[in-house]
């Protein structure tokens, strides 16, 4: 059994619910097919992740409008109404985080793909973000998961030994990247599944 002394949490999709559908489904009058086409072709996940890596939101927006002028209003809505895409805390995972920190057995940090321009909004809204020993925000680092530099930054900044750490993320791509550096991983699906998988590392919540 590996001796785990550090737990690294992703934020969006693990502790915080974020979904652009909260804005766009209504704009597309409930038509999921049209909405998905827009996400696949205009305001794509790759485009969003570029801002997560520190690209300026205003510049990214103007460039996208120039590419798709017929969708200008919908494109400007992406960051203009970004706060409405931010849902509630995922309470079951917040409870796990709270218990983990209260046990004082683990170093607990966060590693998130998040624009440094929008992250302050989350910091104000979610008190539990103050509980971490530290948070590595991709927008501040000018790189993002799954690129190895951001994992190495996290390990070095908080004096973490990869083999003694667990990384929890909802994206399997990010887990696999962590694994290549020797970091243990759990792909998050729901709080109950996380509690069960933590037990395999002798972490009982």
N, C-alpha and C. Protein backbone atom coordinates (compact mmCIF):
# COMPACT_ATOMS: atom_id res chain seq x y z
N UNK A 1 0.84 -1.20 0.00
CA UNK A 1 0.00 0.00 0.00
C UNK A 1 0.88 1.25 0.00
N UNK A 2 0.65 2.14 -0.98
CA UNK A 2 1.41 3.37 -1.04
C UNK A 2 1.04 4.29 0.12
N UNK A 3 2.04 5.00 0.64
CA UNK A 3 1.80 5.93 1.73
C UNK A 3 1.47 7.30 1.14
N UNK A 4 0.20 7.62 1.13
CA UNK A 4 -0.26 8.88 0.54
C UNK A 4 -0.20 9.98 1.61
N UNK A 5 0.47 11.08 1.25
CA UNK A 5 0.52 12.21 2.19
C UNK A 5 0.00 13.51 1.56
N UNK A 6 -0.36 13.46 0.28
CA UNK A 6 -0.84 14.66 -0.42
C UNK A 6 -2.01 14.32 -1.32
N UNK A 7 -3.02 15.19 -1.32
CA UNK A 7 -4.16 15.03 -2.22
C UNK A 7 -4.29 16.32 -3.03
N UNK A 8 -4.34 16.18 -4.35
CA UNK A 8 -4.45 17.32 -5.26
C UNK A 8 -5.82 17.26 -5.93
N UNK A 9 -6.61 18.29 -5.73
CA UNK A 9 -7.97 18.34 -6.28
C UNK A 9 -8.02 19.23 -7.53
N UNK A 10 -8.69 18.76 -8.56
CA UNK A 10 -9.18 19.64 -9.61
C UNK A 10 -10.37 20.39 -9.02
N UNK A 11 -10.78 21.48 -9.65
CA UNK A 11 -11.92 22.25 -9.13
C UNK A 11 -13.17 22.09 -9.98
N UNK A 12 -13.15 22.58 -11.23
CA UNK A 12 -14.33 22.48 -12.07
C UNK A 12 -14.69 21.04 -12.40
N UNK A 13 -15.93 20.66 -12.10
CA UNK A 13 -16.37 19.29 -12.36
C UNK A 13 -16.11 18.34 -11.22
N UNK A 14 -15.35 18.80 -10.21
CA UNK A 14 -15.06 17.98 -9.03
C UNK A 14 -15.63 18.64 -7.77
N UNK A 15 -15.30 19.91 -7.59
CA UNK A 15 -15.79 20.67 -6.43
C UNK A 15 -16.77 21.77 -6.82
N UNK A 16 -16.70 22.19 -8.07
CA UNK A 16 -17.54 23.30 -8.55
C UNK A 16 -18.21 22.89 -9.86
N UNK A 17 -19.50 23.11 -9.92
CA UNK A 17 -20.27 22.83 -11.13
C UNK A 17 -20.16 24.02 -12.08
N UNK A 18 -19.62 23.79 -13.27
CA UNK A 18 -19.54 24.83 -14.30
C UNK A 18 -20.02 24.25 -15.61
N UNK A 19 -20.94 24.96 -16.26
CA UNK A 19 -21.48 24.41 -17.50
C UNK A 19 -22.05 25.54 -18.36
N UNK A 20 -21.50 25.77 -19.57
CA UNK A 20 -22.03 26.82 -20.44
C UNK A 20 -23.47 26.59 -20.88
N UNK A 21 -23.94 25.36 -20.72
CA UNK A 21 -25.36 25.10 -21.05
C UNK A 21 -26.30 25.96 -20.23
N UNK A 22 -25.89 26.34 -19.03
CA UNK A 22 -26.77 27.15 -18.18
C UNK A 22 -27.14 28.47 -18.85
N UNK A 23 -26.31 28.94 -19.76
CA UNK A 23 -26.60 30.15 -20.52
C UNK A 23 -27.18 29.82 -21.89
N UNK A 24 -26.55 28.89 -22.58
CA UNK A 24 -26.84 28.71 -24.01
C UNK A 24 -28.06 27.88 -24.33
N UNK A 25 -28.45 26.98 -23.45
CA UNK A 25 -29.61 26.14 -23.78
C UNK A 25 -30.85 27.00 -24.00
N UNK A 26 -30.99 28.01 -23.16
CA UNK A 26 -32.12 28.93 -23.32
C UNK A 26 -31.98 29.76 -24.59
N UNK A 27 -30.75 30.18 -24.90
CA UNK A 27 -30.52 30.98 -26.10
C UNK A 27 -30.83 30.20 -27.37
N UNK A 28 -30.67 28.90 -27.32
CA UNK A 28 -30.99 28.04 -28.46
C UNK A 28 -32.39 27.43 -28.33
N UNK A 29 -33.20 28.03 -27.46
CA UNK A 29 -34.60 27.61 -27.28
C UNK A 29 -34.73 26.11 -27.00
N UNK A 30 -33.78 25.61 -26.21
CA UNK A 30 -33.83 24.21 -25.80
C UNK A 30 -33.35 23.23 -26.85
N UNK A 31 -32.87 23.72 -27.98
CA UNK A 31 -32.41 22.84 -29.06
C UNK A 31 -30.96 22.42 -28.79
N UNK A 32 -30.80 21.25 -28.22
CA UNK A 32 -29.46 20.78 -27.85
C UNK A 32 -28.57 20.53 -29.07
N UNK A 33 -29.17 20.11 -30.15
CA UNK A 33 -28.38 19.82 -31.35
C UNK A 33 -27.71 21.08 -31.88
N UNK A 34 -28.47 22.17 -31.95
CA UNK A 34 -27.91 23.45 -32.42
C UNK A 34 -26.88 24.00 -31.43
N UNK A 35 -27.20 23.86 -30.15
CA UNK A 35 -26.26 24.32 -29.13
C UNK A 35 -24.95 23.56 -29.21
N UNK A 36 -25.02 22.25 -29.39
CA UNK A 36 -23.81 21.44 -29.46
C UNK A 36 -23.00 21.77 -30.70
N UNK A 37 -23.68 22.07 -31.81
CA UNK A 37 -22.96 22.49 -33.01
C UNK A 37 -22.16 23.75 -32.73
N UNK A 38 -22.76 24.68 -32.01
CA UNK A 38 -22.09 25.94 -31.66
C UNK A 38 -20.85 25.66 -30.80
N UNK A 39 -20.97 24.75 -29.82
CA UNK A 39 -19.83 24.41 -28.97
C UNK A 39 -18.75 23.64 -29.74
N UNK A 40 -19.17 22.87 -30.72
CA UNK A 40 -18.20 22.07 -31.50
C UNK A 40 -17.46 22.88 -32.54
N UNK A 41 -18.06 24.01 -32.97
CA UNK A 41 -17.52 24.74 -34.11
C UNK A 41 -17.16 26.19 -33.85
N UNK A 42 -17.79 26.83 -32.89
CA UNK A 42 -17.57 28.27 -32.66
C UNK A 42 -16.87 28.48 -31.32
N UNK A 43 -17.59 28.45 -30.24
CA UNK A 43 -16.97 28.57 -28.91
C UNK A 43 -16.61 27.17 -28.42
N UNK A 44 -15.51 26.66 -28.95
CA UNK A 44 -15.12 25.27 -28.70
C UNK A 44 -14.40 25.11 -27.37
N UNK A 45 -14.26 23.87 -26.93
CA UNK A 45 -13.53 23.60 -25.69
C UNK A 45 -12.05 23.95 -25.85
N UNK A 46 -11.49 23.70 -27.03
CA UNK A 46 -10.09 24.09 -27.27
C UNK A 46 -9.92 25.60 -27.13
N UNK A 47 -10.86 26.34 -27.66
CA UNK A 47 -10.82 27.80 -27.56
C UNK A 47 -10.89 28.25 -26.10
N UNK A 48 -11.81 27.66 -25.36
CA UNK A 48 -11.95 27.98 -23.94
C UNK A 48 -10.66 27.64 -23.18
N UNK A 49 -10.07 26.50 -23.49
CA UNK A 49 -8.87 26.08 -22.78
C UNK A 49 -7.68 26.99 -23.09
N UNK A 50 -7.70 27.64 -24.24
CA UNK A 50 -6.64 28.59 -24.55
C UNK A 50 -6.66 29.77 -23.57
N UNK A 51 -7.86 30.21 -23.19
CA UNK A 51 -7.98 31.26 -22.18
C UNK A 51 -7.59 30.72 -20.80
N UNK A 52 -7.89 29.45 -20.55
CA UNK A 52 -7.45 28.83 -19.30
C UNK A 52 -5.93 28.86 -19.16
N UNK A 53 -5.25 28.88 -20.30
CA UNK A 53 -3.78 28.91 -20.29
C UNK A 53 -3.23 30.34 -20.30
N UNK A 54 -4.12 31.32 -20.07
CA UNK A 54 -3.66 32.69 -19.89
C UNK A 54 -3.85 33.61 -21.07
N UNK A 55 -4.47 33.13 -22.16
CA UNK A 55 -4.70 34.01 -23.30
C UNK A 55 -5.76 35.05 -22.92
N UNK A 56 -5.57 36.32 -23.26
CA UNK A 56 -6.51 37.36 -22.84
C UNK A 56 -7.93 37.15 -23.38
N UNK A 57 -8.90 37.22 -22.51
CA UNK A 57 -10.29 36.98 -22.88
C UNK A 57 -10.77 37.98 -23.94
N UNK A 58 -10.46 39.25 -23.76
CA UNK A 58 -10.93 40.26 -24.72
C UNK A 58 -10.38 39.99 -26.11
N UNK A 59 -9.10 39.65 -26.19
CA UNK A 59 -8.47 39.37 -27.48
C UNK A 59 -9.08 38.12 -28.11
N UNK A 60 -9.25 37.09 -27.30
CA UNK A 60 -9.84 35.83 -27.80
C UNK A 60 -11.24 36.06 -28.33
N UNK A 61 -12.01 36.88 -27.64
CA UNK A 61 -13.38 37.16 -28.05
C UNK A 61 -13.41 37.89 -29.39
N UNK A 62 -12.58 38.92 -29.53
CA UNK A 62 -12.56 39.69 -30.79
C UNK A 62 -12.11 38.82 -31.96
N UNK A 63 -11.14 37.96 -31.71
CA UNK A 63 -10.67 37.06 -32.78
C UNK A 63 -11.76 36.10 -33.21
N UNK A 64 -12.52 35.61 -32.25
CA UNK A 64 -13.60 34.65 -32.58
C UNK A 64 -14.73 35.35 -33.31
N UNK A 65 -15.04 36.59 -32.90
CA UNK A 65 -16.07 37.37 -33.60
C UNK A 65 -15.66 37.62 -35.05
N UNK A 66 -14.37 37.91 -35.27
CA UNK A 66 -13.88 38.13 -36.63
C UNK A 66 -14.01 36.87 -37.48
N UNK A 67 -13.85 35.70 -36.85
CA UNK A 67 -13.97 34.43 -37.57
C UNK A 67 -15.42 34.08 -37.87
N UNK A 68 -16.31 34.39 -36.92
CA UNK A 68 -17.72 34.01 -37.04
C UNK A 68 -18.62 35.22 -36.76
N UNK A 69 -18.57 36.24 -37.63
CA UNK A 69 -19.33 37.48 -37.34
C UNK A 69 -20.84 37.26 -37.20
N UNK A 70 -21.35 36.23 -37.85
CA UNK A 70 -22.80 35.97 -37.76
C UNK A 70 -23.22 35.49 -36.38
N UNK A 71 -22.22 35.08 -35.56
CA UNK A 71 -22.52 34.61 -34.20
C UNK A 71 -21.99 35.58 -33.13
N UNK A 72 -21.82 36.84 -33.51
CA UNK A 72 -21.18 37.79 -32.61
C UNK A 72 -21.85 37.86 -31.24
N UNK A 73 -23.16 37.98 -31.21
CA UNK A 73 -23.86 38.12 -29.92
C UNK A 73 -23.64 36.88 -29.05
N UNK A 74 -23.71 35.72 -29.66
CA UNK A 74 -23.54 34.47 -28.91
C UNK A 74 -22.10 34.32 -28.42
N UNK A 75 -21.15 34.75 -29.22
CA UNK A 75 -19.74 34.67 -28.81
C UNK A 75 -19.47 35.60 -27.64
N UNK A 76 -19.96 36.83 -27.72
CA UNK A 76 -19.72 37.79 -26.63
C UNK A 76 -20.38 37.34 -25.33
N UNK A 77 -21.43 36.57 -25.48
CA UNK A 77 -22.15 36.04 -24.32
C UNK A 77 -21.28 35.08 -23.50
N UNK A 78 -20.33 34.42 -24.15
CA UNK A 78 -19.56 33.36 -23.48
C UNK A 78 -18.87 33.90 -22.24
N UNK A 79 -18.17 34.99 -22.38
CA UNK A 79 -17.53 35.57 -21.19
C UNK A 79 -18.35 36.71 -20.59
N UNK A 80 -19.21 37.33 -21.42
CA UNK A 80 -20.07 38.38 -20.89
C UNK A 80 -21.04 37.87 -19.84
N UNK A 81 -21.46 36.62 -19.97
CA UNK A 81 -22.39 36.02 -19.00
C UNK A 81 -21.76 34.81 -18.31
N UNK A 82 -20.44 34.82 -18.22
CA UNK A 82 -19.70 33.68 -17.68
C UNK A 82 -20.15 33.32 -16.26
N UNK A 83 -20.46 34.32 -15.45
CA UNK A 83 -20.88 34.03 -14.06
C UNK A 83 -22.11 33.16 -14.01
N UNK A 84 -22.99 33.28 -15.01
CA UNK A 84 -24.21 32.47 -15.04
C UNK A 84 -23.91 31.01 -15.37
N UNK A 85 -22.73 30.73 -15.91
CA UNK A 85 -22.33 29.35 -16.18
C UNK A 85 -21.79 28.67 -14.93
N UNK A 86 -21.49 29.47 -13.93
CA UNK A 86 -20.91 28.95 -12.69
C UNK A 86 -22.05 28.48 -11.79
N UNK A 87 -22.13 27.17 -11.61
CA UNK A 87 -23.20 26.60 -10.80
C UNK A 87 -22.83 26.58 -9.32
N UNK A 88 -23.42 25.65 -8.60
CA UNK A 88 -23.17 25.55 -7.16
C UNK A 88 -21.94 24.70 -6.87
N UNK A 89 -21.53 24.71 -5.63
CA UNK A 89 -20.51 23.76 -5.17
C UNK A 89 -21.09 22.36 -5.26
N UNK A 90 -20.23 21.39 -5.53
CA UNK A 90 -20.64 19.97 -5.50
C UNK A 90 -20.48 19.54 -4.05
N UNK A 91 -21.57 19.62 -3.30
CA UNK A 91 -21.52 19.57 -1.84
C UNK A 91 -20.91 18.29 -1.29
N UNK A 92 -21.17 17.16 -1.96
CA UNK A 92 -20.61 15.90 -1.47
C UNK A 92 -19.09 15.90 -1.50
N UNK A 93 -18.52 16.50 -2.53
CA UNK A 93 -17.06 16.57 -2.63
C UNK A 93 -16.49 17.59 -1.65
N UNK A 94 -17.23 18.68 -1.44
CA UNK A 94 -16.79 19.67 -0.45
C UNK A 94 -16.74 19.02 0.94
N UNK A 95 -17.69 18.16 1.24
CA UNK A 95 -17.68 17.43 2.53
C UNK A 95 -16.44 16.55 2.64
N UNK A 96 -16.08 15.88 1.54
CA UNK A 96 -14.88 15.04 1.54
C UNK A 96 -13.65 15.90 1.80
N UNK A 97 -13.57 17.02 1.10
CA UNK A 97 -12.45 17.95 1.28
C UNK A 97 -12.35 18.42 2.73
N UNK A 98 -13.49 18.78 3.30
CA UNK A 98 -13.51 19.28 4.68
C UNK A 98 -12.99 18.23 5.67
N UNK A 99 -13.45 17.00 5.50
CA UNK A 99 -13.02 15.92 6.39
C UNK A 99 -11.54 15.60 6.22
N UNK A 100 -11.09 15.66 4.97
CA UNK A 100 -9.69 15.37 4.68
C UNK A 100 -8.77 16.39 5.36
N UNK A 101 -9.15 17.65 5.26
CA UNK A 101 -8.35 18.71 5.87
C UNK A 101 -8.42 18.62 7.39
N UNK A 102 -9.62 18.34 7.91
CA UNK A 102 -9.78 18.24 9.37
C UNK A 102 -8.96 17.11 9.97
N UNK A 103 -8.71 16.06 9.19
CA UNK A 103 -7.93 14.93 9.70
C UNK A 103 -6.46 15.30 9.95
N UNK A 104 -6.01 16.36 9.28
CA UNK A 104 -4.61 16.84 9.39
C UNK A 104 -3.59 15.76 9.01
N UNK A 105 -4.03 14.80 8.21
CA UNK A 105 -3.13 13.73 7.77
C UNK A 105 -2.51 14.03 6.41
N UNK A 106 -3.08 15.00 5.69
CA UNK A 106 -2.68 15.19 4.29
C UNK A 106 -2.42 16.65 3.97
N UNK A 107 -1.47 16.85 3.08
CA UNK A 107 -1.32 18.16 2.44
C UNK A 107 -2.38 18.20 1.34
N UNK A 108 -3.18 19.24 1.30
CA UNK A 108 -4.28 19.31 0.33
C UNK A 108 -4.15 20.58 -0.50
N UNK A 109 -3.93 20.40 -1.80
CA UNK A 109 -3.80 21.53 -2.72
C UNK A 109 -4.74 21.34 -3.90
N UNK A 110 -4.85 22.38 -4.72
CA UNK A 110 -5.70 22.30 -5.91
C UNK A 110 -4.89 22.64 -7.15
N UNK A 111 -5.28 22.02 -8.26
CA UNK A 111 -4.66 22.27 -9.57
C UNK A 111 -5.80 22.40 -10.57
N UNK A 112 -5.98 23.59 -11.12
CA UNK A 112 -7.16 23.83 -11.94
C UNK A 112 -6.82 24.50 -13.26
N UNK A 113 -7.51 24.08 -14.31
CA UNK A 113 -7.51 24.82 -15.58
C UNK A 113 -8.56 25.91 -15.47
N UNK A 114 -8.12 27.16 -15.38
CA UNK A 114 -9.06 28.24 -15.14
C UNK A 114 -8.41 29.55 -15.58
N UNK A 115 -9.13 30.37 -16.29
CA UNK A 115 -8.62 31.68 -16.66
C UNK A 115 -8.32 32.51 -15.42
N UNK A 116 -7.17 33.18 -15.41
CA UNK A 116 -6.86 34.03 -14.26
C UNK A 116 -7.74 35.27 -14.23
N UNK A 117 -8.48 35.54 -15.31
CA UNK A 117 -9.40 36.68 -15.32
C UNK A 117 -10.74 36.34 -14.67
N UNK A 118 -11.15 35.09 -14.73
CA UNK A 118 -12.44 34.70 -14.14
C UNK A 118 -12.29 34.01 -12.78
N UNK A 119 -11.10 33.50 -12.47
CA UNK A 119 -10.93 32.77 -11.21
C UNK A 119 -11.25 33.62 -9.97
N UNK A 120 -10.95 34.92 -9.96
CA UNK A 120 -11.31 35.72 -8.78
C UNK A 120 -12.81 35.70 -8.46
N UNK A 121 -13.65 35.50 -9.48
CA UNK A 121 -15.10 35.40 -9.24
C UNK A 121 -15.39 34.16 -8.39
N UNK A 122 -14.76 33.05 -8.73
CA UNK A 122 -14.95 31.81 -7.95
C UNK A 122 -14.40 31.97 -6.54
N UNK A 123 -13.25 32.63 -6.42
CA UNK A 123 -12.66 32.82 -5.08
C UNK A 123 -13.60 33.57 -4.15
N UNK A 124 -14.32 34.53 -4.70
CA UNK A 124 -15.27 35.30 -3.87
C UNK A 124 -16.50 34.48 -3.52
N UNK A 125 -16.90 33.62 -4.44
CA UNK A 125 -18.17 32.90 -4.26
C UNK A 125 -18.03 31.67 -3.36
N UNK A 126 -16.89 30.97 -3.43
CA UNK A 126 -16.78 29.68 -2.74
C UNK A 126 -15.76 29.76 -1.60
N UNK A 127 -16.26 29.78 -0.39
CA UNK A 127 -15.41 29.91 0.79
C UNK A 127 -14.39 28.78 0.90
N UNK A 128 -14.77 27.58 0.48
CA UNK A 128 -13.88 26.43 0.66
C UNK A 128 -12.59 26.55 -0.15
N UNK A 129 -12.54 27.45 -1.12
CA UNK A 129 -11.31 27.64 -1.87
C UNK A 129 -10.20 28.22 -0.98
N UNK A 130 -10.59 28.77 0.17
CA UNK A 130 -9.60 29.30 1.11
C UNK A 130 -8.99 28.19 1.97
N UNK A 131 -9.55 26.99 1.91
CA UNK A 131 -9.08 25.90 2.78
C UNK A 131 -7.79 25.27 2.30
N UNK A 132 -7.51 25.38 1.01
CA UNK A 132 -6.34 24.69 0.45
C UNK A 132 -5.03 25.30 0.93
N UNK A 133 -4.02 24.46 1.01
CA UNK A 133 -2.68 24.98 1.28
C UNK A 133 -2.22 25.89 0.15
N UNK A 134 -2.69 25.60 -1.04
CA UNK A 134 -2.39 26.45 -2.19
C UNK A 134 -3.18 25.98 -3.40
N UNK A 135 -3.33 26.87 -4.37
CA UNK A 135 -4.03 26.55 -5.62
C UNK A 135 -3.16 26.97 -6.79
N UNK A 136 -2.91 26.03 -7.70
CA UNK A 136 -2.20 26.34 -8.94
C UNK A 136 -3.26 26.58 -10.02
N UNK A 137 -3.30 27.82 -10.52
CA UNK A 137 -4.28 28.22 -11.52
C UNK A 137 -3.59 28.33 -12.87
N UNK A 138 -4.07 27.59 -13.83
CA UNK A 138 -3.40 27.52 -15.13
C UNK A 138 -3.21 28.89 -15.77
N UNK A 139 -4.21 29.75 -15.64
CA UNK A 139 -4.11 31.08 -16.25
C UNK A 139 -2.95 31.89 -15.70
N UNK A 140 -2.61 31.67 -14.44
CA UNK A 140 -1.46 32.36 -13.84
C UNK A 140 -0.14 31.78 -14.35
N UNK A 141 -0.15 30.48 -14.64
CA UNK A 141 1.08 29.78 -15.02
C UNK A 141 1.34 29.83 -16.52
N UNK A 142 0.35 30.29 -17.30
CA UNK A 142 0.45 30.36 -18.76
C UNK A 142 0.67 28.99 -19.40
N UNK A 143 0.15 27.98 -18.74
CA UNK A 143 0.09 26.63 -19.30
C UNK A 143 -1.07 25.93 -18.60
N UNK A 144 -1.37 24.71 -19.00
CA UNK A 144 -2.54 24.05 -18.43
C UNK A 144 -2.36 22.55 -18.48
N UNK A 145 -3.25 21.85 -17.76
CA UNK A 145 -3.35 20.41 -17.91
C UNK A 145 -3.83 20.11 -19.34
N UNK A 146 -3.34 19.11 -20.02
CA UNK A 146 -2.52 18.00 -19.50
C UNK A 146 -1.01 18.17 -19.74
N UNK A 147 -0.53 19.40 -19.99
CA UNK A 147 0.90 19.60 -20.25
C UNK A 147 1.69 19.42 -18.96
N UNK A 148 2.82 18.73 -19.08
CA UNK A 148 3.52 18.27 -17.88
C UNK A 148 4.06 19.41 -17.03
N UNK A 149 4.34 20.57 -17.64
CA UNK A 149 4.94 21.67 -16.87
C UNK A 149 4.09 22.08 -15.67
N UNK A 150 2.76 22.04 -15.84
CA UNK A 150 1.91 22.52 -14.73
C UNK A 150 1.89 21.51 -13.58
N UNK A 151 2.06 20.23 -13.89
CA UNK A 151 2.15 19.23 -12.83
C UNK A 151 3.48 19.37 -12.09
N UNK A 152 4.54 19.58 -12.85
CA UNK A 152 5.86 19.74 -12.23
C UNK A 152 5.88 21.00 -11.36
N UNK A 153 5.26 22.06 -11.83
CA UNK A 153 5.14 23.28 -11.02
C UNK A 153 4.45 23.00 -9.70
N UNK A 154 3.37 22.23 -9.76
CA UNK A 154 2.61 21.90 -8.55
C UNK A 154 3.45 21.08 -7.58
N UNK A 155 4.13 20.08 -8.10
CA UNK A 155 4.98 19.23 -7.25
C UNK A 155 6.09 20.05 -6.59
N UNK A 156 6.73 20.89 -7.36
CA UNK A 156 7.86 21.66 -6.83
C UNK A 156 7.42 22.74 -5.85
N UNK A 157 6.35 23.43 -6.19
CA UNK A 157 5.90 24.56 -5.37
C UNK A 157 5.50 24.12 -3.97
N UNK A 158 4.91 22.94 -3.87
CA UNK A 158 4.41 22.48 -2.57
C UNK A 158 5.19 21.29 -2.02
N UNK A 159 6.39 21.09 -2.60
CA UNK A 159 7.30 20.06 -2.09
C UNK A 159 6.60 18.70 -1.98
N UNK A 160 6.00 18.29 -3.10
CA UNK A 160 5.22 17.05 -3.16
C UNK A 160 6.04 15.97 -3.86
N UNK A 161 6.03 14.77 -3.27
CA UNK A 161 6.61 13.60 -3.92
C UNK A 161 5.51 12.93 -4.74
N UNK A 162 5.73 12.80 -6.04
CA UNK A 162 4.68 12.31 -6.94
C UNK A 162 4.07 11.00 -6.48
N UNK A 163 4.90 10.05 -6.09
CA UNK A 163 4.42 8.72 -5.72
C UNK A 163 3.57 8.72 -4.46
N UNK A 164 3.70 9.78 -3.67
CA UNK A 164 2.93 9.88 -2.42
C UNK A 164 1.70 10.77 -2.55
N UNK A 165 1.36 11.12 -3.79
CA UNK A 165 0.24 12.02 -4.03
C UNK A 165 -0.85 11.35 -4.86
N UNK A 166 -2.09 11.80 -4.62
CA UNK A 166 -3.24 11.41 -5.45
C UNK A 166 -3.78 12.67 -6.11
N UNK A 167 -4.05 12.57 -7.39
CA UNK A 167 -4.65 13.66 -8.14
C UNK A 167 -6.07 13.26 -8.52
N UNK A 168 -7.04 14.10 -8.19
CA UNK A 168 -8.46 13.83 -8.45
C UNK A 168 -8.94 14.81 -9.52
N UNK A 169 -9.39 14.29 -10.66
CA UNK A 169 -9.83 15.13 -11.77
C UNK A 169 -10.94 14.40 -12.51
N UNK A 170 -11.88 15.14 -13.09
CA UNK A 170 -12.98 14.48 -13.82
C UNK A 170 -12.58 14.12 -15.25
N UNK A 171 -11.44 14.64 -15.73
CA UNK A 171 -11.02 14.41 -17.11
C UNK A 171 -9.92 13.35 -17.15
N UNK A 172 -10.20 12.24 -17.79
CA UNK A 172 -9.24 11.12 -17.82
C UNK A 172 -7.94 11.53 -18.49
N UNK A 173 -8.01 12.43 -19.45
CA UNK A 173 -6.80 12.94 -20.11
C UNK A 173 -5.84 13.55 -19.09
N UNK A 174 -6.37 14.30 -18.14
CA UNK A 174 -5.53 14.94 -17.13
C UNK A 174 -4.97 13.95 -16.13
N UNK A 175 -5.75 12.90 -15.84
CA UNK A 175 -5.28 11.83 -14.95
C UNK A 175 -4.13 11.08 -15.60
N UNK A 176 -4.29 10.75 -16.87
CA UNK A 176 -3.24 10.00 -17.58
C UNK A 176 -1.94 10.79 -17.63
N UNK A 177 -2.05 12.10 -17.82
CA UNK A 177 -0.85 12.94 -17.85
C UNK A 177 -0.15 12.94 -16.50
N UNK A 178 -0.94 12.98 -15.42
CA UNK A 178 -0.37 12.92 -14.07
C UNK A 178 0.32 11.58 -13.84
N UNK A 179 -0.30 10.52 -14.32
CA UNK A 179 0.27 9.18 -14.14
C UNK A 179 1.64 9.04 -14.77
N UNK A 180 1.86 9.71 -15.90
CA UNK A 180 3.16 9.60 -16.57
C UNK A 180 4.28 10.20 -15.73
N UNK A 181 3.92 11.06 -14.78
CA UNK A 181 4.91 11.67 -13.89
C UNK A 181 4.99 10.94 -12.55
N UNK A 182 4.25 9.83 -12.45
CA UNK A 182 4.30 9.04 -11.22
C UNK A 182 3.26 9.41 -10.19
N UNK A 183 2.37 10.36 -10.53
CA UNK A 183 1.32 10.77 -9.60
C UNK A 183 0.15 9.79 -9.71
N UNK A 184 -0.34 9.32 -8.58
CA UNK A 184 -1.52 8.45 -8.58
C UNK A 184 -2.75 9.27 -8.97
N UNK A 185 -3.72 8.62 -9.60
CA UNK A 185 -4.90 9.36 -10.06
C UNK A 185 -6.21 8.66 -9.78
N UNK A 186 -7.24 9.48 -9.57
CA UNK A 186 -8.62 8.99 -9.50
C UNK A 186 -9.45 9.86 -10.43
N UNK A 187 -10.12 9.23 -11.39
CA UNK A 187 -11.04 9.99 -12.24
C UNK A 187 -12.35 10.16 -11.49
N UNK A 188 -12.70 11.40 -11.22
CA UNK A 188 -13.91 11.70 -10.44
C UNK A 188 -15.16 11.54 -11.29
N UNK A 189 -16.14 10.83 -10.71
CA UNK A 189 -17.45 10.70 -11.35
C UNK A 189 -18.56 11.25 -10.45
N UNK A 190 -18.47 10.91 -9.17
CA UNK A 190 -19.41 11.46 -8.18
C UNK A 190 -18.79 11.27 -6.80
N UNK A 191 -19.32 11.96 -5.78
CA UNK A 191 -18.71 11.87 -4.45
C UNK A 191 -18.68 10.46 -3.87
N UNK A 192 -19.72 9.68 -4.11
CA UNK A 192 -19.78 8.32 -3.57
C UNK A 192 -18.68 7.45 -4.16
N UNK A 193 -18.48 7.57 -5.47
CA UNK A 193 -17.43 6.82 -6.15
C UNK A 193 -16.05 7.25 -5.65
N UNK A 194 -15.89 8.56 -5.39
CA UNK A 194 -14.60 9.05 -4.89
C UNK A 194 -14.29 8.48 -3.53
N UNK A 195 -15.27 8.45 -2.64
CA UNK A 195 -15.07 7.88 -1.30
C UNK A 195 -14.61 6.42 -1.42
N UNK A 196 -15.26 5.68 -2.32
CA UNK A 196 -14.93 4.28 -2.51
C UNK A 196 -13.50 4.11 -3.03
N UNK A 197 -13.11 4.92 -4.02
CA UNK A 197 -11.78 4.79 -4.60
C UNK A 197 -10.68 5.28 -3.66
N UNK A 198 -10.99 6.25 -2.82
CA UNK A 198 -10.00 6.70 -1.84
C UNK A 198 -9.64 5.58 -0.87
N UNK A 199 -10.60 4.69 -0.60
CA UNK A 199 -10.33 3.58 0.31
C UNK A 199 -9.23 2.66 -0.22
N UNK A 200 -9.10 2.59 -1.55
CA UNK A 200 -8.05 1.74 -2.12
C UNK A 200 -6.66 2.30 -1.82
N UNK A 201 -6.62 3.55 -1.42
CA UNK A 201 -5.35 4.18 -1.01
C UNK A 201 -5.28 4.33 0.50
N UNK A 202 -6.16 3.58 1.18
CA UNK A 202 -6.22 3.59 2.66
C UNK A 202 -6.60 4.97 3.22
N UNK A 203 -7.43 5.69 2.47
CA UNK A 203 -7.98 6.97 2.93
C UNK A 203 -9.47 6.75 3.19
N UNK A 204 -9.85 6.79 4.43
CA UNK A 204 -11.23 6.52 4.81
C UNK A 204 -11.91 7.82 5.24
N UNK A 205 -12.93 8.17 4.48
CA UNK A 205 -13.67 9.43 4.74
C UNK A 205 -15.03 9.11 5.32
